[in-house]
Every structure is written in structure tokens, then in C-alpha cells.
Protein backbone atom coordinates (compact mmCIF):
# COMPACT_ATOMS: atom_id res chain seq x y z
CA UNK A 1 -36.34 -1.18 -69.02
CA UNK A 2 -40.08 -0.45 -69.33
CA UNK A 3 -40.84 -4.10 -68.59
CA UNK A 4 -38.72 -3.94 -65.41
CA UNK A 5 -40.52 -0.80 -64.29
CA UNK A 6 -43.83 -2.51 -65.02
CA UNK A 7 -42.91 -5.49 -62.86
CA UNK A 8 -41.74 -3.20 -60.06
CA UNK A 9 -44.96 -1.16 -60.14
CA UNK A 10 -47.10 -4.32 -60.22
CA UNK A 11 -45.27 -5.93 -57.30
CA UNK A 12 -45.40 -2.71 -55.30
CA UNK A 13 -49.14 -2.35 -55.90
CA UNK A 14 -49.66 -5.96 -54.76
CA UNK A 15 -47.85 -5.15 -51.52
CA UNK A 16 -49.86 -1.94 -51.16
CA UNK A 17 -53.12 -3.91 -51.39
CA UNK A 18 -51.76 -6.27 -48.76
CA UNK A 19 -51.23 -3.35 -46.39
CA UNK A 20 -54.63 -1.85 -47.15
CA UNK A 21 -56.25 -5.21 -46.36
CA UNK A 22 -54.72 -4.96 -42.87
CA UNK A 23 -56.67 -1.76 -42.31
CA UNK A 24 -59.96 -3.65 -42.38
CA UNK A 25 -58.67 -6.00 -39.68
CA UNK A 26 -57.17 -3.22 -37.53
CA UNK A 27 -59.63 -0.30 -37.71
CA UNK A 28 -58.84 0.86 -34.16
CA UNK A 29 -55.21 1.56 -35.05
CA UNK A 30 -56.27 3.63 -38.04
CA UNK A 31 -58.81 5.61 -36.01
CA UNK A 32 -56.30 6.28 -33.23
CA UNK A 33 -53.79 7.49 -35.80
CA UNK A 34 -56.35 9.97 -37.13
CA UNK A 35 -57.65 11.12 -33.74
CA UNK A 36 -54.31 11.68 -31.98
CA UNK A 37 -53.22 14.76 -34.01
CA UNK A 38 -56.74 16.19 -33.65
CA UNK A 39 -56.38 15.92 -29.87
CA UNK A 40 -53.05 17.77 -30.07
CA UNK A 41 -54.61 20.52 -32.16
CA UNK A 42 -57.49 21.03 -29.73
CA UNK A 43 -55.16 20.82 -26.73
CA UNK A 44 -52.72 23.45 -27.98
CA UNK A 45 -55.42 25.62 -29.47
CA UNK A 46 -57.73 25.73 -26.45
CA UNK A 47 -56.29 24.08 -23.34
CA UNK A 48 -52.67 25.25 -23.45
CA UNK A 49 -53.07 28.23 -25.75
CA UNK A 50 -50.05 30.16 -26.91
CA UNK A 51 -49.30 32.60 -29.63
CA UNK A 52 -46.56 34.60 -27.92
CA UNK A 53 -44.96 36.73 -30.62
CA UNK A 54 -47.51 35.67 -33.26
CA UNK A 55 -49.04 38.49 -35.27
CA UNK A 56 -52.63 37.69 -36.14
CA UNK A 57 -55.00 34.91 -35.14
CA UNK A 58 -53.23 32.10 -33.28
CA UNK A 59 -55.44 29.35 -34.73
CA UNK A 60 -54.44 30.45 -38.24
CA UNK A 61 -50.80 30.19 -37.13
CA UNK A 62 -51.25 26.90 -35.26
CA UNK A 63 -53.14 24.78 -37.79
CA UNK A 64 -50.43 24.80 -40.51
CA UNK A 65 -47.83 24.00 -37.85
CA UNK A 66 -49.94 21.10 -36.61
CA UNK A 67 -50.35 19.82 -40.17
CA UNK A 68 -46.56 19.74 -40.48
CA UNK A 69 -46.22 18.12 -37.06
CA UNK A 70 -48.71 15.42 -38.06
CA UNK A 71 -46.43 14.48 -40.95
CA UNK A 72 -43.62 13.72 -38.48
CA UNK A 73 -45.71 11.64 -36.08
CA UNK A 74 -47.37 8.25 -36.43
CA UNK A 75 -44.41 6.49 -38.03
CA UNK A 76 -44.43 3.66 -35.52
CA UNK A 77 -47.13 1.63 -37.33
CA UNK A 78 -45.01 1.46 -40.48
CA UNK A 79 -41.86 0.80 -38.47
CA UNK A 80 -43.57 -2.02 -36.57
CA UNK A 81 -44.93 -3.56 -39.78
CA UNK A 82 -41.46 -3.63 -41.33
CA UNK A 83 -39.80 -5.23 -38.30
CA UNK A 84 -42.61 -7.75 -37.88
CA UNK A 85 -42.32 -8.84 -41.51
CA UNK A 86 -38.58 -9.30 -41.06
CA UNK A 87 -38.87 -11.23 -37.78
CA UNK A 88 -41.80 -13.47 -38.74
CA UNK A 89 -40.21 -14.79 -41.91
CA UNK A 90 -42.74 -13.06 -44.18
CA UNK A 91 -39.93 -11.55 -46.23
CA UNK A 92 -38.41 -15.00 -46.79
CA UNK A 93 -41.69 -16.20 -48.30
CA UNK A 94 -41.89 -13.16 -50.54
CA UNK A 95 -38.32 -13.69 -51.73
CA UNK A 96 -39.26 -17.18 -52.90
CA UNK A 97 -41.70 -15.52 -55.32
CA UNK A 98 -40.81 -13.73 -58.58
CA UNK A 99 -40.98 -10.32 -56.91
CA UNK A 100 -38.87 -7.19 -57.27
CA UNK A 101 -36.63 -6.45 -54.26
CA UNK A 102 -37.98 -3.58 -52.22
CA UNK A 103 -41.61 -3.95 -53.37
CA UNK A 104 -42.59 -4.73 -49.76
CA UNK A 105 -41.13 -1.42 -48.58
CA UNK A 106 -42.67 0.56 -51.43
CA UNK A 107 -46.08 -1.01 -50.81
CA UNK A 108 -45.84 -0.19 -47.13
CA UNK A 109 -44.84 3.40 -47.90
CA UNK A 110 -47.72 3.90 -50.36
CA UNK A 111 -50.23 2.66 -47.78
CA UNK A 112 -48.73 5.01 -45.21
CA UNK A 113 -48.99 7.95 -47.61
CA UNK A 114 -52.66 7.19 -48.23
CA UNK A 115 -53.29 7.24 -44.48
CA UNK A 116 -51.27 10.46 -44.18
CA UNK A 117 -53.40 12.11 -46.86
CA UNK A 118 -56.51 11.08 -44.94
CA UNK A 119 -55.01 12.49 -41.74
CA UNK A 120 -54.35 15.81 -43.48
CA UNK A 121 -57.95 15.96 -44.70
CA UNK A 122 -59.28 15.26 -41.19
CA UNK A 123 -56.96 17.82 -39.59
CA UNK A 124 -57.83 20.48 -42.17
CA UNK A 125 -61.52 19.83 -41.56
CA UNK A 126 -61.13 20.13 -37.80
CA UNK A 127 -59.04 23.27 -38.23
CA UNK A 128 -61.76 24.78 -40.40
CA UNK A 129 -64.31 23.99 -37.68
CA UNK A 130 -62.05 25.77 -35.16
CA UNK A 131 -61.94 28.89 -37.31
CA UNK A 132 -58.81 28.37 -39.43
CA UNK A 133 -58.99 29.66 -42.97
CA UNK A 134 -56.66 29.40 -45.97
CA UNK A 135 -56.51 32.64 -47.95
CA UNK A 136 -54.29 31.56 -50.82
CA UNK A 137 -55.29 30.39 -54.31
CA UNK A 138 -56.25 26.81 -55.16
CA UNK A 139 -52.79 26.34 -56.67
CA UNK A 140 -51.15 27.56 -53.46
CA UNK A 141 -53.43 25.28 -51.44
CA UNK A 142 -52.41 22.27 -53.54
CA UNK A 143 -48.76 23.26 -53.26
CA UNK A 144 -49.02 23.48 -49.47
CA UNK A 145 -50.47 19.99 -49.16
CA UNK A 146 -47.86 18.73 -51.62
CA UNK A 147 -45.07 20.08 -49.38
CA UNK A 148 -46.65 18.41 -46.36
CA UNK A 149 -46.83 15.03 -48.10
CA UNK A 150 -43.26 15.43 -49.36
CA UNK A 151 -42.11 15.95 -45.77
CA UNK A 152 -44.05 12.84 -44.73
CA UNK A 153 -42.46 10.79 -47.49
CA UNK A 154 -38.98 11.78 -46.34
CA UNK A 155 -39.77 11.13 -42.67
CA UNK A 156 -41.28 7.79 -43.63
CA UNK A 157 -38.11 6.48 -45.26
CA UNK A 158 -36.04 7.65 -42.32
CA UNK A 159 -38.44 5.66 -40.12
CA UNK A 160 -38.19 2.57 -42.35
CA UNK A 161 -34.40 2.69 -42.19
CA UNK A 162 -34.42 3.18 -38.41
CA UNK A 163 -36.84 0.26 -38.02
CA UNK A 164 -34.48 -2.07 -39.85
CA UNK A 165 -31.53 -0.79 -37.83
CA UNK A 166 -33.51 -1.44 -34.62
CA UNK A 167 -34.36 -4.88 -35.96
CA UNK A 168 -37.00 -5.84 -33.39
CA UNK A 169 -40.55 -4.54 -32.81
CA UNK A 170 -39.89 -3.96 -29.10
CA UNK A 171 -37.10 -1.50 -29.96
CA UNK A 172 -39.26 0.54 -32.32
CA UNK A 173 -40.92 2.40 -29.45
CA UNK A 174 -37.55 3.63 -28.23
CA UNK A 175 -36.57 4.73 -31.73
CA UNK A 176 -39.93 6.49 -32.25
CA UNK A 177 -39.21 8.69 -29.22
CA UNK A 178 -36.47 10.34 -31.31
CA UNK A 179 -39.19 11.87 -33.48
CA UNK A 180 -40.61 13.95 -30.61
CA UNK A 181 -37.65 16.36 -30.30
CA UNK A 182 -37.75 16.92 -34.06
CA UNK A 183 -41.44 17.77 -33.87
CA UNK A 184 -41.41 20.04 -30.83
CA UNK A 185 -38.11 21.79 -31.59
CA UNK A 186 -39.81 23.55 -34.49
CA UNK A 187 -41.94 26.58 -35.15
CA UNK A 188 -45.16 24.56 -35.05
CA UNK A 189 -46.44 26.28 -31.89
CA UNK A 190 -44.60 29.60 -31.63
CA UNK A 191 -42.14 31.81 -33.48
CA UNK A 192 -38.38 31.32 -32.97
CA UNK A 193 -37.94 35.03 -32.17
CA UNK A 194 -39.50 34.42 -28.74
CA UNK A 195 -36.92 31.72 -27.90
CA UNK A 196 -33.36 32.01 -26.61
CA UNK A 197 -30.94 32.67 -29.46
CA UNK A 198 -29.36 29.21 -29.42
CA UNK A 199 -32.74 27.46 -29.35
CA UNK A 200 -34.16 29.71 -32.04
CA UNK A 201 -31.19 28.80 -34.28
CA UNK A 202 -31.89 25.08 -33.79
CA UNK A 203 -35.56 25.61 -34.59
CA UNK A 204 -34.74 27.61 -37.72
CA UNK A 205 -32.59 24.74 -39.05
CA UNK A 206 -35.24 22.11 -38.37
CA UNK A 207 -36.56 20.78 -41.74
CA UNK A 208 -40.08 20.75 -40.33
CA UNK A 209 -39.86 24.49 -39.59
CA UNK A 210 -39.16 25.19 -43.26
CA UNK A 211 -42.25 23.22 -44.26
CA UNK A 212 -44.44 24.86 -41.61
CA UNK A 213 -43.31 28.38 -42.61
CA UNK A 214 -43.80 27.67 -46.31
CA UNK A 215 -47.24 26.14 -45.75
CA UNK A 216 -48.28 29.19 -43.72
CA UNK A 217 -47.05 31.39 -46.57
CA UNK A 218 -49.01 29.44 -49.19
CA UNK A 219 -52.13 29.42 -47.01
CA UNK A 220 -51.80 33.16 -46.39
CA UNK A 221 -51.62 32.60 -42.64
CA UNK A 222 -49.57 34.47 -39.98
CA UNK A 223 -45.94 33.51 -39.50
CA UNK A 224 -45.42 32.44 -43.09
CA UNK A 225 -42.19 32.82 -45.03
CA UNK A 226 -41.45 32.24 -48.69
CA UNK A 227 -39.13 29.27 -48.09
CA UNK A 228 -40.72 26.85 -50.54
CA UNK A 229 -37.35 26.04 -52.06
CA UNK A 230 -36.01 25.09 -48.63
CA UNK A 231 -39.14 23.04 -47.87
CA UNK A 232 -38.38 21.06 -51.05
CA UNK A 233 -34.59 20.79 -50.69
CA UNK A 234 -34.69 19.43 -47.13
CA UNK A 235 -37.02 16.44 -47.79
CA UNK A 236 -35.43 15.67 -51.17
CA UNK A 237 -31.99 15.71 -49.55
CA UNK A 238 -33.17 13.41 -46.76
CA UNK A 239 -34.74 11.06 -49.32
CA UNK A 240 -31.52 11.00 -51.33
CA UNK A 241 -29.73 9.71 -48.23
CA UNK A 242 -32.24 7.43 -46.49
CA UNK A 243 -34.13 5.86 -49.41
CA UNK A 244 -31.05 4.04 -50.76
CA UNK A 245 -29.91 3.26 -47.21
CA UNK A 246 -33.27 1.64 -46.45
CA UNK A 247 -33.37 -0.37 -49.69
CA UNK A 248 -29.78 -1.52 -49.20
CA UNK A 249 -30.44 -2.48 -45.58
CA UNK A 250 -33.56 -4.38 -46.59
CA UNK A 251 -31.69 -6.29 -49.26
CA UNK A 252 -28.95 -7.23 -46.77
CA UNK A 253 -31.40 -8.38 -44.07
CA UNK A 254 -33.57 -10.42 -46.41
CA UNK A 255 -30.76 -12.46 -47.96
């Protein structure tokens, strides 16, 4: 058993290094992925404004919501990479090697998580420059970023599964549009109490809202709620469904 896990980890790390090598050849894509959420933060914080119903400083409310929103966006690069590998015969070449099934997907997901961690660091730095402050302990700070990355991991495997269902790179853009309603129908920008009752109920049940509220709570920012358990249950539940679906779909497509 330990030998099998060792092979799986080794193969996955090989695929992760493959994805990281692509970063050096495509620096513009990485930079755009980091800059886009910063533009959203500045736009909502200064150009559009907001804060209706928010008690306290709006920037302190907005930044945690934007951190959660960032974890839902930017999936298209991973989705495109998966579909391109499937359509260009790369997977067939990998299957001819003594490699564990699914290592390609795991390697791709690890690379995405590294980029997501970098995006969080950039966003937190920009938020700090705009006046946002976290008032919780170091443990609470670590827990907040852990919840954000857990949400990203769940969203990532949903994206990987959707990419393989779409099958072709040109269809990924259409599938990616589905992420926007999930992101904006949340409490990232304002509190549900200011919305119509039916819309507020939808927002309250959005998994991203649970993460945003919990992160605000751990940061000690306005609009927070002690819903850490819900911010864990939602992503874990989504992973329990979509991780095996993605691995099974990959195995079926690469036969």
C-alpha cells in the first residue's frame, strides 16, 4: 500500500513540475490571472463603491469577500489545460508510461493551488495597501486562508469535471460563464439583508457565502459569522461528489 502511495505521489509531482514549467513559457497568463482580481477589488472598492447595510468600514467587509470570490474565478486555465491534453493525444502518451491513473489531474490541481496561494498573497497585500486590516490571531488568520484554499480546491475539481464533460477547449469558455452567477450571487459585496427575501435566501445558501462570512469572522472584520463548520462542510461535500466523478471521467476518456 505504501509503495502504491509512493508511486502515486511521485507521478503526481512529476506532472506538477510539468505544469510549473509551462508557467515560464506563459508568464502573461499568470500575470493576468493575478491582476484581474486586483482590478475587481479596486473597482468595487473605489469606482463602484457599496456597503449598503454594512456596519463598519466597507473595505474591511469587501476584502474578505473578494478573497473568496478570487477562489471561484480563474478556473479556465486549468480547464483548458485538461481539455487540450485530452484532445492533443498527450494523455495517450502518458498512458503508455508506467504512471498512476489520475496523476495528470492531480499535478494540474497542485499547480493551480500554488497559483491560487500566490493570488491570495497578492490580494491580501493590495487589500492591506487599501486600508484593510485583519484583527484576529495568527491561528485565526491561518484558518481563514485555509478555508479559502479549501473552497478553491473544491471549485477546481468541479471545473476539471466540467472541462472533461465539455470535451473541447472552445466549449470551456461557455462553461466558465457558469461560475459568474455563483460568484456574484453571494455576500461578497453586500449583506443579504439588503436584498429581496428570495434573493437573500439564494445568497445565504451559496457555499461561497459561508466561506466569506467565516473568513470575515476569523479576520475580525464586519459582516462575519461563526460558520466555520459550514465553510468546511460545503467544500468537503462538493469534493466528495466531484473528485471521484472527475477521476472516473478521466479514466473513461483516456482508455
